[in-house]
Structures are given as C-alpha cells and as structure tokens.
C-alpha atoms as a PDB file:
ATOM      1  CA  MET A   1      27.386 -45.477  22.404  1.00  0.00           C
ATOM      2  CA  GLN A   2      24.015 -47.148  21.949  1.00  0.00           C
ATOM      3  CA  ASN A   3      22.186 -43.791  22.190  1.00  0.00           C
ATOM      4  CA  SER A   4      24.370 -42.477  19.372  1.00  0.00           C
ATOM      5  CA  SER A   5      23.447 -45.351  17.046  1.00  0.00           C
ATOM      6  CA  ILE A   6      19.734 -44.972  17.892  1.00  0.00           C
ATOM      7  CA  SER A   7      19.945 -41.243  17.210  1.00  0.00           C
ATOM      8  CA  THR A   8      21.744 -41.863  13.913  1.00  0.00           C
ATOM      9  CA  ARG A   9      19.215 -44.507  12.908  1.00  0.00           C
ATOM     10  CA  SER A  10      16.223 -42.280  13.733  1.00  0.00           C
ATOM     11  CA  THR A  11      17.818 -39.367  11.853  1.00  0.00           C
ATOM     12  CA  ARG A  12      18.443 -41.649   8.887  1.00  0.00           C
ATOM     13  CA  ASP A  13      14.823 -42.877   9.049  1.00  0.00           C
ATOM     14  CA  ARG A  14      13.528 -39.293   9.075  1.00  0.00           C
ATOM     15  CA  ILE A  15      15.699 -38.425   6.060  1.00  0.00           C
ATOM     16  CA  VAL A  16      14.470 -41.498   4.163  1.00  0.00           C
ATOM     17  CA  LYS A  17      10.827 -40.628   4.966  1.00  0.00           C
ATOM     18  CA  ARG A  18      11.389 -37.009   3.910  1.00  0.00           C
ATOM     19  CA  ARG A  19      13.016 -38.090   0.626  1.00  0.00           C
ATOM     20  CA  SER A  20      10.216 -40.570   0.007  1.00  0.00           C
ATOM     21  CA  ALA A  21       7.608 -37.873   0.598  1.00  0.00           C
ATOM     22  CA  MET A  22       9.503 -35.519  -1.720  1.00  0.00           C
ATOM     23  CA  CYS A  23       9.668 -38.182  -4.445  1.00  0.00           C
ATOM     24  CA  LYS A  24       5.910 -38.749  -4.134  1.00  0.00           C
ATOM     25  CA  ARG A  25       5.354 -34.993  -4.363  1.00  0.00           C
ATOM     26  CA  VAL A  26       7.511 -34.711  -7.488  1.00  0.00           C
ATOM     27  CA  LEU A  27       5.725 -37.673  -9.059  1.00  0.00           C
ATOM     28  CA  CYS A  28       2.347 -36.100  -8.253  1.00  0.00           C
ATOM     29  CA  LEU A  29       3.463 -32.782  -9.736  1.00  0.00           C
ATOM     30  CA  VAL A  30       4.732 -34.442 -12.908  1.00  0.00           C
ATOM     31  CA  THR A  31       1.433 -36.320 -13.215  1.00  0.00           C
ATOM     32  CA  CYS A  32      -0.474 -33.113 -12.529  1.00  0.00           C
ATOM     33  CA  ILE A  33       1.499 -31.149 -15.136  1.00  0.00           C
ATOM     34  CA  ALA A  34       0.992 -33.904 -17.694  1.00  0.00           C
ATOM     35  CA  MET A  35      -2.737 -33.996 -16.898  1.00  0.00           C
ATOM     36  CA  VAL A  36      -3.170 -30.236 -17.162  1.00  0.00           C
ATOM     37  CA  GLY A  37      -1.021 -30.170 -20.295  1.00  0.00           C
ATOM     38  CA  SER A  38      -3.044 -32.871 -22.002  1.00  0.00           C
ATOM     39  CA  LEU A  39      -6.358 -31.317 -20.989  1.00  0.00           C
ATOM     40  CA  ALA A  40      -5.371 -27.810 -21.892  1.00  0.00           C
ATOM     41  CA  GLY A  41      -2.812 -28.199 -24.676  1.00  0.00           C
ATOM     42  CA  CYS A  42       0.203 -27.015 -22.701  1.00  0.00           C
ATOM     43  CA  ARG A  43       3.251 -27.207 -24.918  1.00  0.00           C
ATOM     44  CA  SER A  44       6.078 -27.774 -22.449  1.00  0.00           C
ATOM     45  CA  SER A  45       6.650 -27.905 -18.745  1.00  0.00           C
ATOM     46  CA  SER A  46       9.000 -29.473 -16.276  1.00  0.00           C
ATOM     47  CA  VAL A  47       9.572 -30.019 -12.597  1.00  0.00           C
ATOM     48  CA  GLU A  48      12.746 -28.734 -10.973  1.00  0.00           C
ATOM     49  CA  SER A  49      14.121 -28.752  -7.480  1.00  0.00           C
ATOM     50  CA  GLY A  50      13.362 -25.588  -5.531  1.00  0.00           C
ATOM     51  CA  GLU A  51      15.741 -23.725  -3.234  1.00  0.00           C
ATOM     52  CA  ASP A  52      14.297 -25.512  -0.191  1.00  0.00           C
ATOM     53  CA  GLY A  53      14.532 -28.930  -1.865  1.00  0.00           C
ATOM     54  CA  GLY A  54      10.839 -28.995  -2.772  1.00  0.00           C
ATOM     55  CA  ALA A  55       9.582 -29.463  -6.294  1.00  0.00           C
ATOM     56  CA  VAL A  56       8.762 -26.356  -8.309  1.00  0.00           C
ATOM     57  CA  ALA A  57       6.699 -26.499 -11.500  1.00  0.00           C
ATOM     58  CA  ARG A  58       8.193 -24.664 -14.441  1.00  0.00           C
ATOM     59  CA  SER A  59       6.130 -24.093 -17.534  1.00  0.00           C
ATOM     60  CA  SER A  60       6.484 -22.373 -20.869  1.00  0.00           C
ATOM     61  CA  ALA A  61       3.199 -20.861 -19.866  1.00  0.00           C
ATOM     62  CA  SER A  62       4.836 -17.712 -18.576  1.00  0.00           C
ATOM     63  CA  VAL A  63       3.806 -14.403 -20.052  1.00  0.00           C
ATOM     64  CA  ALA A  64       6.484 -12.277 -21.673  1.00  0.00           C
ATOM     65  CA  THR A  65       6.509  -8.735 -20.380  1.00  0.00           C
ATOM     66  CA  ASP A  66       8.413  -7.257 -23.297  1.00  0.00           C
ATOM     67  CA  GLY A  67       7.284  -7.023 -26.893  1.00  0.00           C
ATOM     68  CA  SER A  68       3.668  -7.870 -26.080  1.00  0.00           C
ATOM     69  CA  ALA A  69       2.400  -4.717 -27.795  1.00  0.00           C
ATOM     70  CA  SER A  70       3.143  -6.228 -31.209  1.00  0.00           C
ATOM     71  CA  LEU A  71       1.300  -9.500 -30.515  1.00  0.00           C
ATOM     72  CA  THR A  72      -1.815 -10.499 -32.410  1.00  0.00           C
ATOM     73  CA  ASP A  73      -5.072 -11.053 -30.536  1.00  0.00           C
ATOM     74  CA  ARG A  74      -4.604 -14.801 -30.924  1.00  0.00           C
ATOM     75  CA  GLU A  75      -1.075 -14.654 -29.465  1.00  0.00           C
ATOM     76  CA  HIS A  76      -2.333 -12.604 -26.507  1.00  0.00           C
ATOM     77  CA  ALA A  77      -5.088 -15.173 -25.926  1.00  0.00           C
ATOM     78  CA  GLU A  78      -2.615 -18.079 -26.129  1.00  0.00           C
ATOM     79  CA  ARG A  79      -0.225 -16.440 -23.656  1.00  0.00           C
ATOM     80  CA  THR A  80      -3.095 -15.664 -21.319  1.00  0.00           C
ATOM     81  CA  MET A  81      -4.336 -19.249 -21.507  1.00  0.00           C
ATOM     82  CA  ASN A  82      -0.816 -20.520 -20.830  1.00  0.00           C
ATOM     83  CA  SER A  83      -0.579 -18.311 -17.736  1.00  0.00           C
ATOM     84  CA  MET A  84      -3.935 -19.670 -16.605  1.00  0.00           C
ATOM     85  CA  ARG A  85      -2.601 -23.218 -17.077  1.00  0.00           C
ATOM     86  CA  THR A  86       0.335 -22.326 -14.818  1.00  0.00           C
ATOM     87  CA  ILE A  87      -2.035 -21.063 -12.113  1.00  0.00           C
ATOM     88  CA  ALA A  88      -4.205 -24.190 -12.511  1.00  0.00           C
ATOM     89  CA  THR A  89      -1.136 -26.432 -12.187  1.00  0.00           C
ATOM     90  CA  CYS A  90      -0.168 -24.669  -8.953  1.00  0.00           C
ATOM     91  CA  LEU A  91      -3.690 -25.005  -7.559  1.00  0.00           C
ATOM     92  CA  ILE A  92      -3.738 -28.722  -8.384  1.00  0.00           C
ATOM     93  CA  ALA A  93      -0.302 -29.186  -6.780  1.00  0.00           C
ATOM     94  CA  PHE A  94      -1.642 -27.435  -3.661  1.00  0.00           C
ATOM     95  CA  TRP A  95      -4.604 -29.829  -3.706  1.00  0.00           C
ATOM     96  CA  ILE A  96      -2.235 -32.821  -3.972  1.00  0.00           C
ATOM     97  CA  ASP A  97      -0.252 -31.614  -0.951  1.00  0.00           C
ATOM     98  CA  TRP A  98      -3.134 -30.470   1.264  1.00  0.00           C
ATOM     99  CA  GLY A  99      -6.156 -32.478   0.073  1.00  0.00           C
ATOM    100  CA  HIS A 100      -8.136 -29.352  -0.850  1.00  0.00           C
ATOM    101  CA  TYR A 101      -7.791 -26.162  -2.876  1.00  0.00           C
ATOM    102  CA  PRO A 102      -7.026 -22.893  -1.095  1.00  0.00           C
ATOM    103  CA  THR A 103     -10.175 -20.928  -0.295  1.00  0.00           C
ATOM    104  CA  ALA A 104      -9.951 -17.411  -1.712  1.00  0.00           C
ATOM    105  CA  ASN A 105     -11.739 -14.738  -3.702  1.00  0.00           C
ATOM    106  CA  SER A 106      -8.641 -13.305  -5.366  1.00  0.00           C
ATOM    107  CA  LEU A 107      -5.380 -14.496  -6.841  1.00  0.00           C
ATOM    108  CA  LYS A 108      -3.497 -12.099  -4.557  1.00  0.00           C
ATOM    109  CA  ALA A 109      -4.955 -13.943  -1.546  1.00  0.00           C
ATOM    110  CA  VAL A 110      -3.364 -17.270  -2.591  1.00  0.00           C
ATOM    111  CA  GLU A 111      -0.126 -15.879  -4.028  1.00  0.00           C
ATOM    112  CA  GLY A 112       1.795 -16.686  -0.820  1.00  0.00           C
ATOM    113  CA  ASP A 113       0.386 -20.220  -0.759  1.00  0.00           C
ATOM    114  CA  LEU A 114       1.437 -20.959  -4.351  1.00  0.00           C
ATOM    115  CA  SER A 115       4.626 -18.964  -4.916  1.00  0.00           C
ATOM    116  CA  PRO A 116       7.483 -19.870  -4.565  1.00  0.00           C
ATOM    117  CA  THR A 117       6.424 -23.363  -3.432  1.00  0.00           C
ATOM    118  CA  TYR A 118       4.858 -24.416  -6.744  1.00  0.00           C
ATOM    119  CA  VAL A 119       6.072 -21.779  -9.184  1.00  0.00           C
ATOM    120  CA  LYS A 120       8.793 -19.163  -8.881  1.00  0.00           C
ATOM    121  CA  THR A 121       6.576 -16.253  -9.930  1.00  0.00           C
ATOM    122  CA  LEU A 122       2.827 -16.610 -10.115  1.00  0.00           C
ATOM    123  CA  PRO A 123       1.290 -14.852 -13.144  1.00  0.00           C
ATOM    124  CA  MET A 124      -1.012 -12.145 -11.778  1.00  0.00           C
ATOM    125  CA  GLU A 125      -2.058 -10.487 -15.063  1.00  0.00           C
ATOM    126  CA  ASP A 126      -3.157 -11.655 -18.482  1.00  0.00           C
ATOM    127  CA  SER A 127      -1.217 -10.797 -21.625  1.00  0.00           C
ATOM    128  CA  TRP A 128      -3.213  -7.581 -22.049  1.00  0.00           C
ATOM    129  CA  GLY A 129      -2.142  -6.373 -18.574  1.00  0.00           C
ATOM    130  CA  ASN A 130      -5.478  -7.015 -16.828  1.00  0.00           C
ATOM    131  CA  PRO A 131      -5.467  -8.798 -13.444  1.00  0.00           C
ATOM    132  CA  PHE A 132      -6.736 -12.379 -13.302  1.00  0.00           C
ATOM    133  CA  GLU A 133      -9.832 -13.088 -11.247  1.00  0.00           C
ATOM    134  CA  LEU A 134      -9.782 -16.194  -9.052  1.00  0.00           C
ATOM    135  CA  SER A 135     -12.527 -17.740  -6.990  1.00  0.00           C
ATOM    136  CA  SER A 136     -11.760 -20.988  -5.251  1.00  0.00           C
ATOM    137  CA  SER A 137     -13.283 -23.211  -2.628  1.00  0.00           C
ATOM    138  CA  LYS A 138     -11.957 -26.388  -1.056  1.00  0.00           C
ATOM    139  CA  THR A 139     -13.490 -28.440  -3.895  1.00  0.00           C
ATOM    140  CA  GLY A 140     -12.815 -26.373  -7.035  1.00  0.00           C
ATOM    141  CA  TYR A 141     -11.661 -23.146  -8.628  1.00  0.00           C
ATOM    142  CA  LYS A 142     -12.366 -20.744 -11.461  1.00  0.00           C
ATOM    143  CA  ILE A 143      -9.752 -18.483 -13.077  1.00  0.00           C
ATOM    144  CA  ARG A 144     -10.980 -15.652 -15.316  1.00  0.00           C
ATOM    145  CA  SER A 145      -9.342 -13.196 -17.691  1.00  0.00           C
ATOM    146  CA  TYR A 146     -11.572 -10.405 -18.977  1.00  0.00           C
ATOM    147  CA  GLY A 147     -10.077 -10.718 -22.465  1.00  0.00           C
ATOM    148  CA  ARG A 148      -8.830  -7.983 -24.773  1.00  0.00           C
ATOM    149  CA  ASP A 149     -11.382  -5.353 -23.702  1.00  0.00           C
ATOM    150  CA  GLY A 150     -10.766  -5.926 -19.963  1.00  0.00           C
ATOM    151  CA  LYS A 151     -14.507  -6.013 -19.230  1.00  0.00           C
ATOM    152  CA  ARG A 152     -16.518  -8.848 -17.735  1.00  0.00           C
ATOM    153  CA  ASP A 153     -18.912 -10.426 -20.263  1.00  0.00           C
ATOM    154  CA  GLU A 154     -22.530  -9.692 -19.380  1.00  0.00           C
ATOM    155  CA  HIS A 155     -23.818 -12.631 -21.460  1.00  0.00           C
ATOM    156  CA  PRO A 156     -20.803 -14.901 -21.829  1.00  0.00           C
ATOM    157  CA  PRO A 157     -20.688 -17.416 -24.653  1.00  0.00           C
ATOM    158  CA  SER A 158     -20.066 -21.011 -23.742  1.00  0.00           C
ATOM    159  CA  GLY A 159     -17.073 -22.760 -25.280  1.00  0.00           C
ATOM    160  CA  PHE A 160     -14.874 -21.207 -27.952  1.00  0.00           C
ATOM    161  CA  THR A 161     -15.619 -18.090 -29.974  1.00  0.00           C
ATOM    162  CA  ASP A 162     -13.770 -15.886 -32.477  1.00  0.00           C
ATOM    163  CA  ASN A 163     -14.369 -12.757 -30.379  1.00  0.00           C
ATOM    164  CA  PRO A 164     -11.029 -11.636 -28.835  1.00  0.00           C
ATOM    165  CA  ASP A 165     -12.961  -9.528 -26.300  1.00  0.00           C
ATOM    166  CA  ALA A 166     -14.580 -12.644 -24.812  1.00  0.00           C
ATOM    167  CA  ASP A 167     -13.607 -13.624 -21.300  1.00  0.00           C
ATOM    168  CA  ILE A 168     -11.307 -16.607 -20.890  1.00  0.00           C
ATOM    169  CA  VAL A 169     -12.401 -18.988 -18.134  1.00  0.00           C
ATOM    170  CA  ASN A 170     -10.534 -21.999 -16.752  1.00  0.00           C
ATOM    171  CA  GLU A 171     -12.608 -24.038 -14.350  1.00  0.00           C
ATOM    172  CA  ASN A 172     -10.990 -27.007 -12.617  1.00  0.00           C
ATOM    173  CA  ALA A 173      -8.273 -27.484 -15.283  1.00  0.00           C
ATOM    174  CA  ARG A 174     -10.646 -27.065 -18.258  1.00  0.00           C
ATOM    175  CA  PHE A 175     -11.274 -24.044 -20.413  1.00  0.00           C
ATOM    176  CA  THR A 176     -15.018 -23.533 -20.387  1.00  0.00           C
ATOM    177  CA  GLN A 177     -14.830 -20.278 -22.338  1.00  0.00           C
ATOM    178  CA  ALA A 178     -12.112 -18.821 -24.582  1.00  0.00           C
ATOM    179  CA  PRO A 179     -11.783 -16.579 -27.634  1.00  0.00           C
ATOM    180  CA  TYR A 180      -9.942 -19.215 -29.681  1.00  0.00           C
ATOM    181  CA  ASN A 181      -9.609 -22.953 -29.583  1.00  0.00           C
ATOM    182  CA  THR A 182      -5.849 -23.082 -29.040  1.00  0.00           C
ATOM    183  CA  ASP A 183      -6.071 -26.759 -28.174  1.00  0.00           C
ATOM    184  CA  SER A 184      -6.361 -27.731 -31.831  1.00  0.00           C
ATOM    185  CA  PRO A 185      -3.300 -27.594 -34.126  1.00  0.00           C
END
C-alpha cells in the first residue's frame, strides 16, 4: 500500500511540475508577444492551448491567401510585416524554451522546429507570393522579404522608405528596413 501512495505522490509531483513549466512557458509567450507587438506595432495576438497541451501563439499577422490581388502596395507591405512579426514571435518563443535561436539558413529548415509548436502554420511567403529569407544563429536572426519586385536590393536603404520595391528586413524583433512606416498611426 505504501508503494502505491509513493507512486501517486511522485506522479502528482510530476504533473504539478509539468503544469508549472507550462504556465511559465505561456507567461513567457504572452510577454514575448506583447514585446514583439509593442516593438513592431502588432495589432492583435493571443496565446491558446495547443493540441498537445503546449502554448501556441496566434496572431492577426497571418497573410490572407484570397483577394490579395486587389490589395494596395501599402496593404501588401503591412501583411508581409505582420507575417514577419509572426515568424519573429515564434523564433523568440523558441529562444525562451531552448536558450538560443535555431541555427539555419532558410525558413524551411526551421519550419519543423516552429510549427506547430509555436504557431499552427508558419508563414513561408510574403503577401506578394515571394518566399521569405531567414538567416539565424544561436544569438540572433534576420528575416527578409524582397518586397513588391521580388528582387534583393543591391544598395538597400536603411530605415523606412516610400519605395514599395524595397526589401523588408526584420532583425531581432525590429524592422531595420521597410517600404512604409506602419508603426505610426
């Protein structure tokens, strides 16, 4: 009988530790989403419980696949930047869990590490249909969209510009280059 109570107690202790770890993870994700949202102007996001009980970040930063042909250049840029915020949020959540960013030279290489753990479907393309470029090391990351023209800028401007063909670059949760300043009202 004593073995049964010890087994029950140790099982209960493991469950409590697992729930505590999950609560810390959810709190870290909420903090991370709030941080990325405040830095990058994200309009709305939430944390939900995943199928496996883990936390999954949900953001309005998803890119619509229908009706995008009628969007203005500014709307395309905003959707692209929102998708980049989603990717950045997932990378930061990975960092919170593992203590480092995943090391990769493409978004496809980290897709399995980020989805579905941190987001149900990881955005792989910008609003114009061009694939995102990702380079990440254990200490940082850079996400790039080639903009409306789909070509890498030879002499990229720094900061914000009115050129919709300009690349959009998010480096460590900050936009260092973008065609419009969507962070201002």
